[in-house]
Amino acid sequence: MSVTVYIPTPFRRMTGSRAYVQVEGSTIAEVLDDLDRQFPGVHDLIYSSRHQIPRHINIYVNNQEIGSLEGDRTPVAEGDQVAIIPAIAGGAEAGSSSDRALTPEQVTRYSRHIIMPQVGSVGQRKILAAKVLIVGAGGLGSPVSVYLALAGVGTIGIVDFDVVDLSNLQRQILHQTEDVGRPKVESARETLLLYNPDINVVTHAEPLTSDNALEIIGRYDIVVNGADTFQARYLVNDACVLLKKPLVDGSILLFEGQTTVYLPGKGCYRCLFPAPPPPGMVPTCAEAGVLGALCGLVGSIQATETLKVILGIGETLSGRLMIIDALGMDVRAFKIRRDPECVVCGDNPTVTQLIDYDEFCGAPARAGAAAHAEG
């Protein structure tokens, strides 16, 4: 009977770089024998000199480790999936999540990632080692944080100093009715850990300002922006440019969403919008409204882009602005470019430190404006 075997990256030199191969056998031992017949030398990688599977190699049948079954005598059936997962090291500082072998529970939890050739166990460890800051625990921050938590992002930071309001529950899936009146970061942390206790959630229950943005953002690898004011957008953008941090940006209003990715050295929010609109010209979601389900659509795209940046795979939205018109279900992508004259990321920047963003945007100062969530 035919089964599919996942070949780990270190062993693919034996299989012509193939990540998956079809083999025959009714037990794990027969499967490994057929694998060796097709690709001579595989046996020597998997078995010890005593023909035993060493402890640094785990073999799974449909996500269950054979050590908890019948070892290499474990029977397999037509269509079963077998995965060979060796311990590997390298690529990060000692002791970080990326050089630790996945536990059996993690292999099961993240199995749908691990069986993907673009991710695998190496990629999943990258996800577990990643540190992502989400600005705002509202309409966009909710789906972004949930999907990143489910994916296993090891450290998720959330900055928001607002409290849950009944009007938030139309779209902000991090919070429930019983959370009304609670700080959003508390509700968010509780919800994310219920989804996945395998991660670390760091809360920043304070406004993100010019005084603390560099210190807070500096702790993370990637920033996801879900804030609802132009002061916040320019503040987060400038901080990410100064710190050379990737920024996954998103915004929503009514039926329209926008999202893009700004990678260090490849442009920024100011390249696209050098100056904010006059105060009051563009309403907020609180003033004009937003379709609740649109938050999930745009937030899911932001989460997907974040994972692609972590894994270093695919083509991100860097250099493109995606526009989603949910009313007509029309999706377009427009090319955007780095502006060499940009005052922050250009060839001769004039903004080399964080400024007064209330003054820059012509808005009346309001405490913590930069930490309010989009939607």
Protein backbone atom coordinates (compact mmCIF):
# COMPACT_ATOMS: atom_id res chain seq x y z
CA MET A 1 0.00 0.00 0.00
CA SER A 2 1.17 3.50 -0.84
CA VAL A 3 1.98 6.10 1.81
CA THR A 4 3.44 9.60 1.58
CA VAL A 5 6.72 10.28 3.40
CA TYR A 6 7.85 13.79 4.30
CA ILE A 7 11.61 14.14 3.86
CA PRO A 8 13.29 16.73 6.12
CA THR A 9 15.53 19.35 4.55
CA PRO A 10 18.85 17.82 5.79
CA PHE A 11 17.95 14.49 4.09
CA ARG A 12 16.74 15.88 0.77
CA ARG A 13 20.17 15.59 -0.80
CA MET A 14 19.37 11.85 -0.92
CA THR A 15 16.01 12.36 -2.67
CA GLY A 16 16.97 14.92 -5.30
CA SER A 17 15.59 17.79 -3.17
CA ARG A 18 12.15 16.18 -3.08
CA ALA A 19 10.19 17.01 0.07
CA TYR A 20 7.58 14.26 -0.41
CA VAL A 21 7.95 10.78 -1.85
CA GLN A 22 5.54 7.91 -2.34
CA VAL A 23 6.62 4.54 -0.94
CA GLU A 24 5.11 1.12 -0.37
CA GLY A 25 4.84 -0.84 2.86
CA SER A 26 2.46 -2.11 5.53
CA THR A 27 4.65 -1.13 8.50
CA ILE A 28 7.07 1.70 9.22
CA ALA A 29 10.00 -0.71 8.81
CA GLU A 30 8.78 -1.72 5.35
CA VAL A 31 8.22 1.90 4.45
CA LEU A 32 11.79 2.77 5.43
CA ASP A 33 13.11 -0.26 3.54
CA ASP A 34 11.31 0.84 0.38
CA LEU A 35 12.54 4.38 0.91
CA ASP A 36 16.11 3.04 1.02
CA ARG A 37 15.52 0.97 -2.10
CA GLN A 38 14.42 4.10 -3.97
CA PHE A 39 17.11 6.29 -2.46
CA PRO A 40 20.09 4.19 -1.34
CA GLY A 41 21.75 5.54 1.77
CA VAL A 42 18.62 6.77 3.54
CA HIS A 43 18.83 3.79 5.93
CA ASP A 44 22.21 4.99 7.14
CA LEU A 45 20.70 8.37 8.02
CA ILE A 46 17.72 6.97 9.90
CA TYR A 47 19.03 3.82 11.61
CA SER A 48 21.93 3.40 14.03
CA SER A 49 24.57 0.71 13.62
CA ARG A 50 22.33 -1.52 15.76
CA HIS A 51 19.45 -0.95 13.34
CA GLN A 52 17.57 1.17 15.84
CA ILE A 53 16.03 4.58 15.29
CA PRO A 54 18.16 6.96 17.40
CA ARG A 55 16.61 9.38 19.85
CA HIS A 56 17.51 12.44 17.77
CA ILE A 57 15.12 11.28 15.04
CA ASN A 58 11.36 11.19 15.47
CA ILE A 59 9.04 9.45 13.02
CA TYR A 60 5.35 10.27 12.95
CA VAL A 61 2.40 8.48 11.40
CA ASN A 62 -0.47 10.91 10.87
CA ASN A 63 1.07 13.22 13.51
CA GLN A 64 1.53 10.48 16.14
CA GLU A 65 5.09 9.58 17.15
CA ILE A 66 5.80 5.89 16.57
CA GLY A 67 7.54 5.62 19.95
CA SER A 68 4.08 5.85 21.52
CA LEU A 69 2.82 3.16 19.11
CA GLU A 70 4.75 0.07 18.06
CA GLY A 71 8.01 1.59 16.92
CA ASP A 72 9.05 0.62 13.40
CA ARG A 73 6.54 -2.24 13.58
CA THR A 74 3.73 0.32 13.60
CA PRO A 75 1.27 -0.59 10.82
CA VAL A 76 0.38 1.92 8.12
CA ALA A 77 -2.60 2.08 5.80
CA GLU A 78 -3.19 3.33 2.29
CA GLY A 79 -2.99 7.13 2.20
CA ASP A 80 -1.24 7.53 5.58
CA GLN A 81 1.30 10.30 5.98
CA VAL A 82 4.70 9.57 7.52
CA ALA A 83 7.06 12.36 8.60
CA ILE A 84 10.74 11.99 9.48
CA ILE A 85 11.79 14.79 11.85
CA PRO A 86 15.47 14.92 12.91
CA ALA A 87 16.87 17.35 15.45
CA ILE A 88 18.82 20.19 13.84
CA ALA A 89 20.69 23.22 15.10
CA GLY A 90 22.00 26.51 13.83
CA GLY A 91 20.74 29.81 12.48
CA ALA A 92 20.03 31.59 15.77
CA GLU A 93 21.48 32.41 19.13
CA ALA A 94 21.92 29.44 21.41
CA GLY A 95 18.94 28.78 23.57
CA SER A 96 16.42 30.48 21.28
CA SER A 97 13.23 28.78 20.16
CA SER A 98 14.56 28.25 16.65
CA ASP A 99 17.24 25.74 17.71
CA ARG A 100 15.06 23.65 19.97
CA ALA A 101 13.55 20.42 18.73
CA LEU A 102 9.79 20.56 18.47
CA THR A 103 7.95 18.68 21.17
CA PRO A 104 5.48 15.96 20.14
CA GLU A 105 2.63 18.29 21.14
CA GLN A 106 4.04 21.06 18.94
CA VAL A 107 4.45 18.68 16.02
CA THR A 108 0.77 17.79 16.33
CA ARG A 109 -0.42 21.37 16.89
CA TYR A 110 1.53 22.76 13.93
CA SER A 111 1.37 19.68 11.73
CA ARG A 112 -0.44 21.46 8.88
CA HIS A 113 2.50 23.88 8.72
CA ILE A 114 5.17 21.21 9.07
CA ILE A 115 3.91 19.14 6.14
CA MET A 116 4.11 22.19 3.87
CA PRO A 117 7.45 22.17 1.98
CA GLN A 118 7.64 25.99 2.25
CA VAL A 119 7.46 25.78 6.05
CA GLY A 120 8.52 22.43 7.47
CA SER A 121 9.93 21.98 10.94
CA VAL A 122 12.67 24.55 10.29
CA GLY A 123 10.12 27.19 9.34
CA GLN A 124 7.91 26.39 12.28
CA ARG A 125 10.84 26.96 14.61
CA LYS A 126 11.37 30.34 12.95
CA ILE A 127 7.75 31.17 13.71
CA LEU A 128 8.16 30.05 17.32
CA ALA A 129 11.27 32.23 17.66
CA ALA A 130 9.65 35.34 16.13
CA LYS A 131 8.64 38.44 18.10
CA VAL A 132 5.81 40.49 16.61
CA LEU A 133 4.34 43.72 17.98
CA ILE A 134 0.72 44.50 17.13
CA VAL A 135 -0.30 48.14 17.49
CA GLY A 136 -3.94 48.16 18.54
CA ALA A 137 -6.16 45.38 19.87
CA GLY A 138 -9.17 46.41 17.81
CA GLY A 139 -10.70 45.58 14.44
CA LEU A 140 -7.43 44.70 12.69
CA GLY A 141 -5.36 43.74 15.70
CA SER A 142 -7.93 41.11 16.63
CA PRO A 143 -7.72 38.81 13.57
CA VAL A 144 -4.00 39.47 13.14
CA SER A 145 -3.19 38.45 16.70
CA VAL A 146 -5.49 35.42 16.66
CA TYR A 147 -3.97 33.99 13.48
CA LEU A 148 -0.42 34.71 14.58
CA ALA A 149 -1.13 33.05 17.93
CA LEU A 150 -2.60 30.01 16.22
CA ALA A 151 0.42 29.87 13.90
CA GLY A 152 2.70 29.71 16.93
CA VAL A 153 4.44 33.10 16.83
CA GLY A 154 6.48 32.75 20.00
CA THR A 155 6.16 36.30 21.34
CA ILE A 156 3.23 38.56 20.53
CA GLY A 157 3.28 42.07 21.92
CA ILE A 158 0.10 44.13 22.03
CA VAL A 159 0.06 47.87 22.68
CA ASP A 160 -3.30 49.48 23.47
CA PHE A 161 -4.47 51.46 26.46
CA ASP A 162 -8.20 51.52 25.64
CA VAL A 163 -10.95 49.53 27.36
CA VAL A 164 -13.50 47.25 25.71
CA ASP A 165 -16.71 49.02 24.73
CA LEU A 166 -19.97 47.33 23.76
CA SER A 167 -19.72 48.91 20.28
CA ASN A 168 -16.40 47.07 19.72
CA LEU A 169 -18.03 43.66 19.75
CA GLN A 170 -19.48 44.01 16.25
CA ARG A 171 -16.01 43.26 14.84
CA GLN A 172 -13.26 42.93 17.47
CA ILE A 173 -13.09 39.16 17.90
CA LEU A 174 -10.52 39.31 20.70
CA HIS A 175 -13.19 40.51 23.11
CA GLN A 176 -16.51 39.17 24.37
CA THR A 177 -19.53 40.68 26.10
CA GLU A 178 -18.19 39.91 29.57
CA ASP A 179 -15.03 41.88 28.72
CA VAL A 180 -16.85 45.22 28.40
CA GLY A 181 -15.05 47.71 30.64
CA ARG A 182 -11.84 45.67 30.86
CA PRO A 183 -8.52 46.88 29.42
CA LYS A 184 -8.23 45.56 25.88
CA VAL A 185 -4.73 44.22 26.41
CA GLU A 186 -5.95 42.06 29.32
CA SER A 187 -8.84 40.67 27.31
CA ALA A 188 -6.55 40.12 24.33
CA ARG A 189 -3.92 38.26 26.34
CA GLU A 190 -6.51 36.01 27.94
CA THR A 191 -8.11 35.17 24.60
CA LEU A 192 -4.83 34.45 22.80
CA LEU A 193 -3.57 32.14 25.55
CA LEU A 194 -6.85 30.23 25.42
CA TYR A 195 -6.20 29.70 21.72
CA ASN A 196 -2.58 28.72 22.24
CA PRO A 197 -0.86 28.40 25.65
CA ASP A 198 2.37 27.63 23.76
CA ILE A 199 3.10 31.34 23.17
CA ASN A 200 4.12 34.38 25.20
CA VAL A 201 1.85 37.43 25.11
CA VAL A 202 3.41 40.72 26.26
CA THR A 203 1.02 43.58 27.00
CA HIS A 204 1.79 47.29 26.80
CA ALA A 205 -1.15 49.05 28.47
CA GLU A 206 0.05 52.51 27.64
CA PRO A 207 -0.11 55.05 24.83
CA LEU A 208 2.51 54.59 22.13
CA THR A 209 4.24 57.96 21.98
CA SER A 210 7.39 59.59 20.70
CA ASP A 211 8.90 59.05 24.15
CA ASN A 212 8.43 55.26 24.31
CA ALA A 213 7.95 54.04 20.72
CA LEU A 214 11.61 53.30 20.02
CA GLU A 215 12.03 51.39 23.27
CA ILE A 216 8.87 49.29 22.80
CA ILE A 217 9.23 48.63 19.06
CA GLY A 218 12.93 47.88 19.50
CA ARG A 219 12.08 44.68 21.40
CA TYR A 220 10.37 43.08 18.39
CA ASP A 221 11.31 41.71 14.97
CA ILE A 222 8.24 42.86 13.03
CA VAL A 223 5.52 45.46 13.65
CA VAL A 224 1.90 45.13 12.52
CA ASN A 225 0.03 48.43 12.48
CA GLY A 226 -3.68 48.48 13.26
CA ALA A 227 -3.99 52.00 14.66
CA ASP A 228 -6.76 54.43 13.70
CA THR A 229 -5.14 57.88 13.64
CA PHE A 230 -2.71 59.52 11.28
CA GLN A 231 -0.59 60.53 14.27
CA ALA A 232 -0.19 56.83 15.05
CA ARG A 233 0.56 55.85 11.47
CA TYR A 234 3.36 58.36 11.05
CA LEU A 235 4.75 57.63 14.51
CA VAL A 236 4.89 53.86 13.95
CA ASN A 237 6.26 54.31 10.43
CA ASP A 238 9.06 56.64 11.51
CA ALA A 239 10.02 54.43 14.45
CA CYS A 240 10.21 51.36 12.21
CA VAL A 241 12.37 53.20 9.67
CA LEU A 242 14.75 54.44 12.36
CA LEU A 243 14.98 50.95 13.88
CA LYS A 244 15.05 49.16 10.49
CA LYS A 245 12.04 47.02 11.40
CA PRO A 246 9.62 45.53 8.82
CA LEU A 247 6.16 47.10 9.06
CA VAL A 248 2.97 45.35 7.95
CA ASP A 249 0.44 48.13 7.55
CA GLY A 250 -3.33 47.96 7.24
CA SER A 251 -6.31 50.29 7.39
CA ILE A 252 -10.09 50.04 6.97
CA LEU A 253 -13.09 52.33 6.57
CA LEU A 254 -16.67 51.59 5.54
CA PHE A 255 -16.27 48.85 2.89
CA GLU A 256 -12.66 49.58 1.90
CA GLY A 257 -9.39 48.16 3.15
CA GLN A 258 -5.75 48.93 2.35
CA THR A 259 -2.67 46.93 3.21
CA THR A 260 1.02 46.82 2.28
CA VAL A 261 4.42 45.85 3.67
CA TYR A 262 7.29 48.26 4.22
CA LEU A 263 10.66 46.51 4.37
CA PRO A 264 13.80 48.31 5.59
CA GLY A 265 15.41 50.26 2.77
CA LYS A 266 12.50 49.72 0.38
CA GLY A 267 10.23 52.64 1.13
CA CYS A 268 7.86 53.66 3.89
CA TYR A 269 4.45 55.16 4.62
CA ARG A 270 5.79 58.66 4.01
CA CYS A 271 6.89 57.67 0.50
CA LEU A 272 3.26 56.86 -0.24
CA PHE A 273 1.69 59.68 1.76
CA PRO A 274 4.30 62.40 2.45
CA ALA A 275 1.78 64.52 4.37
CA PRO A 276 -1.43 63.73 6.25
CA PRO A 277 -4.81 65.03 5.09
CA PRO A 278 -6.22 68.14 6.78
CA PRO A 279 -7.84 67.37 10.14
CA GLY A 280 -11.41 66.14 9.72
CA MET A 281 -11.15 65.39 6.00
CA VAL A 282 -10.90 61.61 6.48
CA PRO A 283 -13.28 60.26 9.14
CA THR A 284 -12.36 57.46 11.53
CA CYS A 285 -14.24 54.19 11.79
CA ALA A 286 -15.97 55.56 14.90
CA GLU A 287 -17.26 58.46 12.82
CA ALA A 288 -18.13 56.74 9.52
CA GLY A 289 -18.45 53.06 10.44
CA VAL A 290 -16.90 49.89 9.08
CA LEU A 291 -18.23 46.52 7.96
CA GLY A 292 -17.22 44.13 10.71
CA ALA A 293 -16.28 41.24 8.44
CA LEU A 294 -13.90 43.49 6.49
CA CYS A 295 -11.66 43.56 9.56
CA GLY A 296 -11.22 39.81 9.27
CA LEU A 297 -10.39 40.04 5.58
CA VAL A 298 -7.73 42.73 5.90
CA GLY A 299 -6.39 41.39 9.19
CA SER A 300 -5.96 37.91 7.70
CA ILE A 301 -3.93 39.39 4.85
CA GLN A 302 -1.75 41.23 7.36
CA ALA A 303 -1.21 38.00 9.31
CA THR A 304 -0.31 36.15 6.10
CA GLU A 305 2.20 38.83 5.11
CA THR A 306 3.73 38.74 8.59
CA LEU A 307 4.27 34.99 8.41
CA LYS A 308 5.81 35.32 4.94
CA VAL A 309 8.26 37.90 6.30
CA ILE A 310 9.13 35.61 9.23
CA LEU A 311 9.70 32.62 6.94
CA GLY A 312 11.37 34.57 4.14
CA ILE A 313 9.12 32.95 1.52
CA GLY A 314 6.95 34.07 -1.34
CA GLU A 315 6.44 37.59 -2.62
CA THR A 316 5.25 40.04 0.00
CA LEU A 317 3.23 43.19 -0.63
CA SER A 318 6.42 45.24 -0.40
CA GLY A 319 6.27 47.70 -3.27
CA ARG A 320 2.54 47.19 -3.74
CA LEU A 321 -0.53 48.66 -2.10
CA MET A 322 -3.50 46.30 -2.04
CA ILE A 323 -6.91 47.98 -2.17
CA ILE A 324 -9.99 45.95 -1.28
CA ASP A 325 -13.46 47.26 -2.17
CA ALA A 326 -15.67 44.81 -0.31
CA LEU A 327 -18.90 46.35 -1.63
CA GLY A 328 -18.02 45.36 -5.19
CA MET A 329 -15.54 42.66 -4.07
CA ASP A 330 -12.89 44.29 -6.21
CA VAL A 331 -9.25 43.75 -5.27
CA ARG A 332 -6.47 45.73 -6.89
CA ALA A 333 -2.75 46.16 -6.27
CA PHE A 334 -0.94 49.36 -7.15
CA LYS A 335 2.82 49.66 -7.45
CA ILE A 336 4.44 51.98 -4.94
CA ARG A 337 8.08 52.99 -4.81
CA ARG A 338 10.64 54.30 -2.42
CA ASP A 339 10.97 58.06 -2.73
CA PRO A 340 14.67 59.06 -2.69
CA GLU A 341 13.50 62.47 -1.45
CA CYS A 342 11.56 60.99 1.50
CA VAL A 343 12.31 62.94 4.66
CA VAL A 344 12.60 59.73 6.71
CA CYS A 345 13.89 56.91 4.48
CA GLY A 346 15.26 58.93 1.55
CA ASP A 347 18.86 59.37 0.50
CA ASN A 348 19.26 62.47 2.68
CA PRO A 349 16.70 62.18 5.48
CA THR A 350 15.88 65.26 7.50
CA VAL A 351 13.73 63.48 10.10
CA THR A 352 16.24 61.51 12.13
CA GLN A 353 14.31 61.27 15.38
CA LEU A 354 10.70 61.02 16.42
CA ILE A 355 8.76 64.30 16.36
CA ASP A 356 5.52 65.77 17.73
CA TYR A 357 2.97 63.89 15.61
CA ASP A 358 -0.05 65.78 16.90
CA GLU A 359 1.55 68.97 15.61
CA PHE A 360 2.66 67.32 12.35
CA CYS A 361 -0.87 66.06 11.63
CA GLY A 362 -2.48 69.33 12.72
CA ALA A 363 -4.59 67.49 15.26
CA PRO A 364 -5.40 68.54 18.80
CA ALA A 365 -3.30 66.58 21.25
CA ARG A 366 -5.14 63.73 22.92
CA ALA A 367 -3.47 61.40 25.37
CA GLY A 368 -2.64 58.07 23.84
CA ALA A 369 -3.94 58.81 20.36
CA ALA A 370 -1.28 56.58 18.93
CA ALA A 371 -2.49 53.48 20.72
CA HIS A 372 -6.14 53.48 19.65
CA ALA A 373 -7.00 50.55 17.43
CA GLU A 374 -8.28 50.65 13.87
CA GLY A 375 -11.95 49.82 13.86
